[in-house]
N, C-alpha and C. Protein backbone atom coordinates (compact mmCIF):
# COMPACT_ATOMS: atom_id res chain seq x y z
N MET A 1 -19.65 9.12 11.15
CA MET A 1 -21.02 8.83 10.81
C MET A 1 -21.04 8.01 9.51
N ARG A 2 -21.79 6.98 9.50
CA ARG A 2 -21.88 6.09 8.34
C ARG A 2 -22.65 6.77 7.20
N PRO A 3 -22.14 6.68 5.98
CA PRO A 3 -22.83 7.32 4.86
C PRO A 3 -24.11 6.57 4.50
N THR A 4 -25.05 7.29 3.94
CA THR A 4 -26.28 6.66 3.49
C THR A 4 -26.02 5.91 2.19
N LEU A 5 -26.89 4.99 1.86
CA LEU A 5 -26.78 4.26 0.60
C LEU A 5 -26.90 5.24 -0.58
N GLU A 6 -27.72 6.26 -0.43
CA GLU A 6 -27.88 7.26 -1.49
C GLU A 6 -26.56 8.00 -1.74
N ARG A 7 -25.86 8.36 -0.68
CA ARG A 7 -24.58 9.06 -0.81
C ARG A 7 -23.55 8.14 -1.47
N VAL A 8 -23.53 6.88 -1.07
CA VAL A 8 -22.61 5.92 -1.69
C VAL A 8 -22.93 5.79 -3.18
N ALA A 9 -24.21 5.75 -3.52
CA ALA A 9 -24.62 5.64 -4.93
C ALA A 9 -24.13 6.85 -5.73
N GLU A 10 -24.19 8.04 -5.16
CA GLU A 10 -23.68 9.23 -5.83
C GLU A 10 -22.18 9.11 -6.11
N VAL A 11 -21.46 8.60 -5.13
CA VAL A 11 -20.01 8.43 -5.27
C VAL A 11 -19.71 7.39 -6.35
N VAL A 12 -20.48 6.31 -6.38
CA VAL A 12 -20.28 5.27 -7.39
C VAL A 12 -20.51 5.83 -8.79
N VAL A 13 -21.52 6.68 -8.95
CA VAL A 13 -21.76 7.31 -10.25
C VAL A 13 -20.54 8.16 -10.65
N ALA A 14 -20.02 8.92 -9.70
CA ALA A 14 -18.83 9.73 -10.00
C ALA A 14 -17.65 8.85 -10.38
N MET A 15 -17.47 7.75 -9.68
CA MET A 15 -16.38 6.83 -10.00
C MET A 15 -16.55 6.24 -11.39
N SER A 16 -17.80 5.99 -11.78
CA SER A 16 -18.06 5.41 -13.10
C SER A 16 -17.69 6.37 -14.22
N GLU A 17 -17.68 7.65 -13.93
CA GLU A 17 -17.33 8.64 -14.94
C GLU A 17 -15.82 8.79 -15.11
N VAL A 18 -15.05 8.36 -14.12
CA VAL A 18 -13.62 8.60 -14.12
C VAL A 18 -12.79 7.33 -14.32
N ILE A 19 -13.20 6.24 -13.70
CA ILE A 19 -12.41 5.00 -13.73
C ILE A 19 -12.73 4.22 -15.01
N PRO A 20 -11.73 3.93 -15.82
CA PRO A 20 -11.96 3.16 -17.05
C PRO A 20 -12.59 1.79 -16.77
N PHE A 21 -13.50 1.38 -17.64
CA PHE A 21 -14.19 0.10 -17.59
C PHE A 21 -15.16 -0.04 -16.41
N PHE A 22 -15.43 1.05 -15.71
CA PHE A 22 -16.40 1.00 -14.61
C PHE A 22 -17.78 0.83 -15.22
N PRO A 23 -18.62 -0.05 -14.69
CA PRO A 23 -19.95 -0.26 -15.27
C PRO A 23 -20.76 1.04 -15.33
N LYS A 24 -21.46 1.19 -16.44
CA LYS A 24 -22.28 2.40 -16.66
C LYS A 24 -23.77 2.15 -16.44
N SER A 25 -24.18 0.90 -16.41
CA SER A 25 -25.61 0.62 -16.28
C SER A 25 -26.09 0.95 -14.86
N HIS A 26 -27.32 1.41 -14.78
CA HIS A 26 -27.91 1.79 -13.50
C HIS A 26 -27.94 0.59 -12.55
N LEU A 27 -28.32 -0.57 -13.05
CA LEU A 27 -28.41 -1.77 -12.21
C LEU A 27 -27.04 -2.14 -11.64
N ALA A 28 -26.02 -2.15 -12.48
CA ALA A 28 -24.67 -2.51 -12.01
C ALA A 28 -24.18 -1.51 -10.96
N GLN A 29 -24.44 -0.25 -11.18
CA GLN A 29 -24.02 0.77 -10.22
C GLN A 29 -24.75 0.63 -8.90
N ARG A 30 -26.02 0.24 -8.94
CA ARG A 30 -26.77 0.02 -7.70
C ARG A 30 -26.19 -1.15 -6.92
N VAL A 31 -25.82 -2.22 -7.62
CA VAL A 31 -25.21 -3.39 -6.96
C VAL A 31 -23.87 -3.00 -6.35
N ILE A 32 -23.06 -2.27 -7.11
CA ILE A 32 -21.76 -1.83 -6.60
C ILE A 32 -21.94 -0.93 -5.39
N ALA A 33 -22.88 0.00 -5.45
CA ALA A 33 -23.13 0.91 -4.33
C ALA A 33 -23.55 0.13 -3.09
N ALA A 34 -24.39 -0.88 -3.25
CA ALA A 34 -24.83 -1.69 -2.10
C ALA A 34 -23.64 -2.41 -1.48
N GLU A 35 -22.75 -2.92 -2.30
CA GLU A 35 -21.57 -3.62 -1.78
C GLU A 35 -20.60 -2.65 -1.11
N VAL A 36 -20.37 -1.49 -1.72
CA VAL A 36 -19.48 -0.49 -1.12
C VAL A 36 -20.06 -0.02 0.21
N HIS A 37 -21.37 0.15 0.26
CA HIS A 37 -22.03 0.58 1.50
C HIS A 37 -21.77 -0.41 2.63
N LYS A 38 -21.63 -1.69 2.32
CA LYS A 38 -21.36 -2.70 3.35
C LYS A 38 -20.00 -2.51 4.01
N PHE A 39 -18.98 -2.13 3.21
CA PHE A 39 -17.65 -2.10 3.81
C PHE A 39 -17.14 -0.72 4.21
N VAL A 40 -17.79 0.36 3.77
CA VAL A 40 -17.34 1.70 4.15
C VAL A 40 -17.92 2.07 5.51
N GLY A 41 -17.05 2.53 6.42
CA GLY A 41 -17.48 2.79 7.78
C GLY A 41 -17.92 4.20 8.09
N SER A 42 -17.47 5.19 7.32
CA SER A 42 -17.83 6.58 7.62
C SER A 42 -17.82 7.41 6.34
N THR A 43 -18.39 8.59 6.43
CA THR A 43 -18.41 9.50 5.28
C THR A 43 -16.99 9.92 4.92
N GLU A 44 -16.16 10.15 5.92
CA GLU A 44 -14.76 10.51 5.67
C GLU A 44 -14.04 9.40 4.92
N GLN A 45 -14.28 8.17 5.33
CA GLN A 45 -13.67 7.03 4.65
C GLN A 45 -14.18 6.90 3.22
N LEU A 46 -15.46 7.13 3.02
CA LEU A 46 -16.04 7.07 1.68
C LEU A 46 -15.39 8.12 0.78
N ASN A 47 -15.20 9.33 1.31
CA ASN A 47 -14.58 10.39 0.52
C ASN A 47 -13.15 10.03 0.14
N TRP A 48 -12.38 9.50 1.12
CA TRP A 48 -11.01 9.07 0.81
C TRP A 48 -11.03 7.98 -0.25
N PHE A 49 -11.91 7.00 -0.06
CA PHE A 49 -12.00 5.87 -0.98
C PHE A 49 -12.28 6.34 -2.40
N ALA A 50 -13.26 7.19 -2.57
CA ALA A 50 -13.65 7.65 -3.90
C ALA A 50 -12.53 8.46 -4.55
N MET A 51 -11.99 9.43 -3.84
CA MET A 51 -10.95 10.28 -4.42
C MET A 51 -9.69 9.47 -4.74
N SER A 52 -9.32 8.57 -3.86
CA SER A 52 -8.13 7.75 -4.09
C SER A 52 -8.34 6.77 -5.23
N ALA A 53 -9.50 6.14 -5.27
CA ALA A 53 -9.79 5.18 -6.34
C ALA A 53 -9.79 5.88 -7.69
N MET A 54 -10.39 7.06 -7.76
CA MET A 54 -10.44 7.78 -9.03
C MET A 54 -9.06 8.23 -9.49
N SER A 55 -8.16 8.46 -8.56
CA SER A 55 -6.83 8.92 -8.97
C SER A 55 -5.81 7.80 -9.11
N LYS A 56 -6.08 6.61 -8.54
CA LYS A 56 -5.06 5.57 -8.54
C LYS A 56 -5.42 4.29 -9.29
N LEU A 57 -6.70 3.99 -9.42
CA LEU A 57 -7.06 2.75 -10.12
C LEU A 57 -6.97 2.95 -11.63
N ALA A 58 -6.18 2.12 -12.27
CA ALA A 58 -5.99 2.23 -13.72
C ALA A 58 -7.23 1.77 -14.46
N LYS A 59 -7.99 0.83 -13.85
CA LYS A 59 -9.23 0.36 -14.47
C LYS A 59 -10.05 -0.39 -13.43
N TYR A 60 -11.34 -0.45 -13.66
CA TYR A 60 -12.23 -1.22 -12.81
C TYR A 60 -12.12 -2.68 -13.19
N GLU A 61 -11.99 -3.54 -12.17
CA GLU A 61 -11.94 -4.97 -12.42
C GLU A 61 -13.08 -5.73 -11.76
N SER A 62 -13.39 -5.36 -10.49
CA SER A 62 -14.43 -6.11 -9.78
C SER A 62 -14.75 -5.43 -8.45
N ILE A 63 -15.82 -5.89 -7.84
CA ILE A 63 -16.15 -5.40 -6.50
C ILE A 63 -15.08 -5.83 -5.50
N PRO A 64 -14.58 -7.08 -5.56
CA PRO A 64 -13.49 -7.43 -4.63
C PRO A 64 -12.26 -6.52 -4.79
N GLN A 65 -12.01 -6.04 -6.01
CA GLN A 65 -10.90 -5.09 -6.21
C GLN A 65 -11.17 -3.82 -5.42
N LEU A 66 -12.40 -3.31 -5.45
CA LEU A 66 -12.73 -2.10 -4.70
C LEU A 66 -12.56 -2.33 -3.20
N ARG A 67 -13.00 -3.49 -2.73
CA ARG A 67 -12.86 -3.83 -1.30
C ARG A 67 -11.38 -3.89 -0.93
N ALA A 68 -10.57 -4.52 -1.76
CA ALA A 68 -9.14 -4.64 -1.48
C ALA A 68 -8.48 -3.26 -1.46
N PHE A 69 -8.88 -2.39 -2.38
CA PHE A 69 -8.33 -1.04 -2.41
C PHE A 69 -8.69 -0.30 -1.12
N TYR A 70 -9.94 -0.39 -0.71
CA TYR A 70 -10.40 0.25 0.53
C TYR A 70 -9.60 -0.27 1.72
N ALA A 71 -9.35 -1.59 1.74
CA ALA A 71 -8.66 -2.22 2.86
C ALA A 71 -7.18 -1.86 2.94
N THR A 72 -6.65 -1.18 1.92
CA THR A 72 -5.27 -0.73 2.03
C THR A 72 -5.12 0.37 3.07
N ARG A 73 -6.24 0.99 3.44
CA ARG A 73 -6.19 2.06 4.44
C ARG A 73 -7.10 1.81 5.64
N TYR A 74 -8.25 1.22 5.42
CA TYR A 74 -9.22 1.03 6.49
C TYR A 74 -9.65 -0.44 6.57
N ASP A 75 -10.03 -0.85 7.78
CA ASP A 75 -10.63 -2.18 7.94
C ASP A 75 -12.07 -2.09 7.46
N PRO A 76 -12.52 -3.07 6.67
CA PRO A 76 -13.91 -3.04 6.21
C PRO A 76 -14.89 -3.06 7.39
N ALA A 77 -15.91 -2.22 7.31
CA ALA A 77 -16.89 -2.10 8.40
C ALA A 77 -17.62 -3.41 8.65
N ASP A 78 -17.79 -4.23 7.61
CA ASP A 78 -18.50 -5.49 7.79
C ASP A 78 -17.58 -6.62 8.24
N GLY A 79 -16.29 -6.33 8.40
CA GLY A 79 -15.34 -7.32 8.89
C GLY A 79 -14.89 -8.35 7.87
N GLN A 80 -15.38 -8.26 6.66
CA GLN A 80 -15.01 -9.23 5.63
C GLN A 80 -13.70 -8.79 4.99
N ALA A 81 -12.71 -9.68 5.00
CA ALA A 81 -11.39 -9.37 4.45
C ALA A 81 -11.44 -9.33 2.93
N PRO A 82 -10.57 -8.55 2.32
CA PRO A 82 -10.52 -8.51 0.85
C PRO A 82 -10.02 -9.84 0.29
N THR A 83 -10.41 -10.12 -0.94
CA THR A 83 -10.07 -11.42 -1.53
C THR A 83 -9.11 -11.32 -2.71
N VAL A 84 -8.66 -10.13 -3.05
CA VAL A 84 -7.72 -9.98 -4.17
C VAL A 84 -6.58 -9.07 -3.75
N ASP A 85 -5.47 -9.19 -4.45
CA ASP A 85 -4.34 -8.29 -4.23
C ASP A 85 -4.27 -7.29 -5.37
N LEU A 86 -3.91 -6.07 -5.03
CA LEU A 86 -3.70 -5.04 -6.04
C LEU A 86 -2.20 -4.84 -6.20
N PRO A 87 -1.73 -4.60 -7.41
CA PRO A 87 -0.31 -4.34 -7.58
C PRO A 87 0.13 -3.17 -6.70
N GLY A 88 1.16 -3.40 -5.92
CA GLY A 88 1.65 -2.38 -5.01
C GLY A 88 0.95 -2.36 -3.67
N PHE A 89 -0.12 -3.15 -3.53
CA PHE A 89 -0.88 -3.19 -2.29
C PHE A 89 -1.05 -4.63 -1.79
N SER A 90 -0.18 -5.54 -2.21
CA SER A 90 -0.28 -6.92 -1.75
C SER A 90 0.07 -6.97 -0.26
N ALA A 91 -0.17 -8.09 0.36
CA ALA A 91 0.14 -8.24 1.78
C ALA A 91 1.62 -7.96 2.04
N ALA A 92 2.49 -8.46 1.14
CA ALA A 92 3.93 -8.23 1.30
C ALA A 92 4.27 -6.75 1.17
N ASP A 93 3.65 -6.06 0.21
CA ASP A 93 3.91 -4.63 0.03
C ASP A 93 3.46 -3.83 1.26
N LEU A 94 2.27 -4.14 1.75
CA LEU A 94 1.76 -3.43 2.92
C LEU A 94 2.60 -3.72 4.15
N GLU A 95 3.02 -4.97 4.32
CA GLU A 95 3.87 -5.35 5.45
C GLU A 95 5.20 -4.62 5.38
N SER A 96 5.76 -4.51 4.18
CA SER A 96 7.03 -3.82 4.00
C SER A 96 6.90 -2.33 4.35
N ARG A 97 5.83 -1.69 3.90
CA ARG A 97 5.62 -0.28 4.21
C ARG A 97 5.40 -0.08 5.71
N TYR A 98 4.67 -0.99 6.33
CA TYR A 98 4.44 -0.92 7.78
C TYR A 98 5.77 -1.03 8.53
N ALA A 99 6.60 -2.00 8.15
CA ALA A 99 7.90 -2.19 8.80
C ALA A 99 8.78 -0.95 8.60
N GLN A 100 8.73 -0.36 7.42
CA GLN A 100 9.52 0.84 7.15
C GLN A 100 9.06 2.00 8.04
N ARG A 101 7.75 2.18 8.18
CA ARG A 101 7.24 3.24 9.06
C ARG A 101 7.66 3.00 10.51
N GLU A 102 7.61 1.74 10.95
CA GLU A 102 8.02 1.41 12.32
C GLU A 102 9.50 1.71 12.51
N LEU A 103 10.33 1.34 11.54
CA LEU A 103 11.77 1.61 11.63
C LEU A 103 12.04 3.10 11.69
N GLU A 104 11.35 3.87 10.87
CA GLU A 104 11.54 5.33 10.88
C GLU A 104 11.12 5.92 12.22
N GLU A 105 10.03 5.44 12.79
CA GLU A 105 9.57 5.93 14.09
C GLU A 105 10.56 5.56 15.19
N GLN A 106 11.07 4.34 15.19
CA GLN A 106 12.05 3.92 16.19
C GLN A 106 13.34 4.72 16.06
N THR A 107 13.77 4.96 14.84
CA THR A 107 14.98 5.76 14.61
C THR A 107 14.78 7.18 15.13
N ARG A 108 13.62 7.75 14.86
CA ARG A 108 13.33 9.10 15.36
C ARG A 108 13.36 9.14 16.89
N ARG A 109 12.76 8.15 17.53
CA ARG A 109 12.76 8.11 18.99
C ARG A 109 14.16 7.90 19.56
N PHE A 110 14.95 7.06 18.90
CA PHE A 110 16.31 6.83 19.35
C PHE A 110 17.14 8.11 19.25
N GLU A 111 16.99 8.82 18.14
CA GLU A 111 17.71 10.08 17.97
C GLU A 111 17.29 11.09 19.03
N GLU A 112 16.03 11.13 19.36
CA GLU A 112 15.55 12.03 20.41
C GLU A 112 16.15 11.63 21.75
N PHE A 113 16.21 10.35 22.03
CA PHE A 113 16.81 9.86 23.27
C PHE A 113 18.28 10.25 23.33
N ARG A 114 19.02 10.07 22.23
CA ARG A 114 20.44 10.44 22.19
C ARG A 114 20.60 11.93 22.42
N ARG A 115 19.74 12.72 21.81
CA ARG A 115 19.82 14.16 22.00
C ARG A 115 19.62 14.53 23.46
N LEU A 116 18.66 13.90 24.12
CA LEU A 116 18.40 14.17 25.54
C LEU A 116 19.54 13.67 26.41
N ALA A 117 20.13 12.52 26.05
CA ALA A 117 21.21 11.96 26.84
C ALA A 117 22.45 12.85 26.79
N ILE A 118 22.69 13.47 25.68
CA ILE A 118 23.85 14.33 25.52
C ILE A 118 23.60 15.71 26.14
N ALA A 119 22.34 16.07 26.29
CA ALA A 119 21.96 17.43 26.70
C ALA A 119 22.41 17.82 28.10
N GLY A 120 22.54 16.90 28.99
CA GLY A 120 22.92 17.33 30.33
C GLY A 120 22.92 16.19 31.33
N PRO A 121 23.13 16.54 32.59
CA PRO A 121 23.20 15.50 33.63
C PRO A 121 21.87 14.77 33.79
N VAL A 122 21.99 13.58 34.34
CA VAL A 122 20.82 12.72 34.52
C VAL A 122 19.74 13.40 35.34
N GLU A 123 20.12 14.17 36.33
CA GLU A 123 19.13 14.80 37.22
C GLU A 123 18.21 15.77 36.47
N ASN A 124 18.70 16.33 35.38
CA ASN A 124 17.93 17.33 34.64
C ASN A 124 17.10 16.73 33.51
N ARG A 125 17.21 15.43 33.29
CA ARG A 125 16.51 14.80 32.16
C ARG A 125 15.17 14.24 32.60
N SER A 126 14.22 14.37 31.73
CA SER A 126 12.94 13.71 31.97
C SER A 126 12.98 12.35 31.29
N LEU A 127 12.13 11.47 31.74
CA LEU A 127 12.09 10.14 31.15
C LEU A 127 11.50 10.21 29.75
N VAL A 128 12.08 9.47 28.85
CA VAL A 128 11.57 9.37 27.49
C VAL A 128 10.58 8.22 27.47
N PRO A 129 9.33 8.48 27.10
CA PRO A 129 8.34 7.38 27.11
C PRO A 129 8.70 6.30 26.10
N LEU A 130 8.47 5.07 26.51
CA LEU A 130 8.69 3.95 25.60
C LEU A 130 7.60 3.93 24.54
N PRO A 131 7.94 3.50 23.36
CA PRO A 131 6.92 3.46 22.29
C PRO A 131 5.87 2.40 22.60
N GLN A 132 4.65 2.70 22.18
CA GLN A 132 3.59 1.72 22.32
C GLN A 132 3.74 0.70 21.21
N VAL A 133 3.50 -0.53 21.54
CA VAL A 133 3.59 -1.60 20.53
C VAL A 133 2.31 -1.62 19.75
N ARG A 134 2.43 -1.50 18.43
CA ARG A 134 1.25 -1.58 17.56
C ARG A 134 1.32 -2.89 16.82
N ARG A 135 0.23 -3.58 16.80
CA ARG A 135 0.16 -4.86 16.13
C ARG A 135 -0.62 -4.72 14.86
N MET A 136 -0.12 -5.36 13.80
CA MET A 136 -0.86 -5.39 12.54
C MET A 136 -1.97 -6.41 12.66
N SER A 137 -3.12 -6.08 12.11
CA SER A 137 -4.21 -7.05 12.16
C SER A 137 -4.31 -7.78 10.87
């Protein structure tokens, strides 16, 4: 369920209390809340975004920074891609982590296949499902 603008505004106020250099003026917070409301798709995503931003962002820089941070985990609801890179969250960093997760999953599946292959005769083995191909967007 998509959060209300009022709920997003509450979260923005909380973020302003924790994140260094976050705007304190009511007008700036209203603008930020309106922009965050555009790209957050659900209440669960908003909660993740707020808690993660408060614990990981060293300082507030801009609305595009918030969008880029959100996009490290979720696709923006409005479909607009982020315009800045965050240290540790650049396209190369994200691609590297994605490739690492894929390698770990393939290794796990291969080990499971080897375990089943060693376990007994072919007649007693069930087929091991092939992994689904996931594409990065």
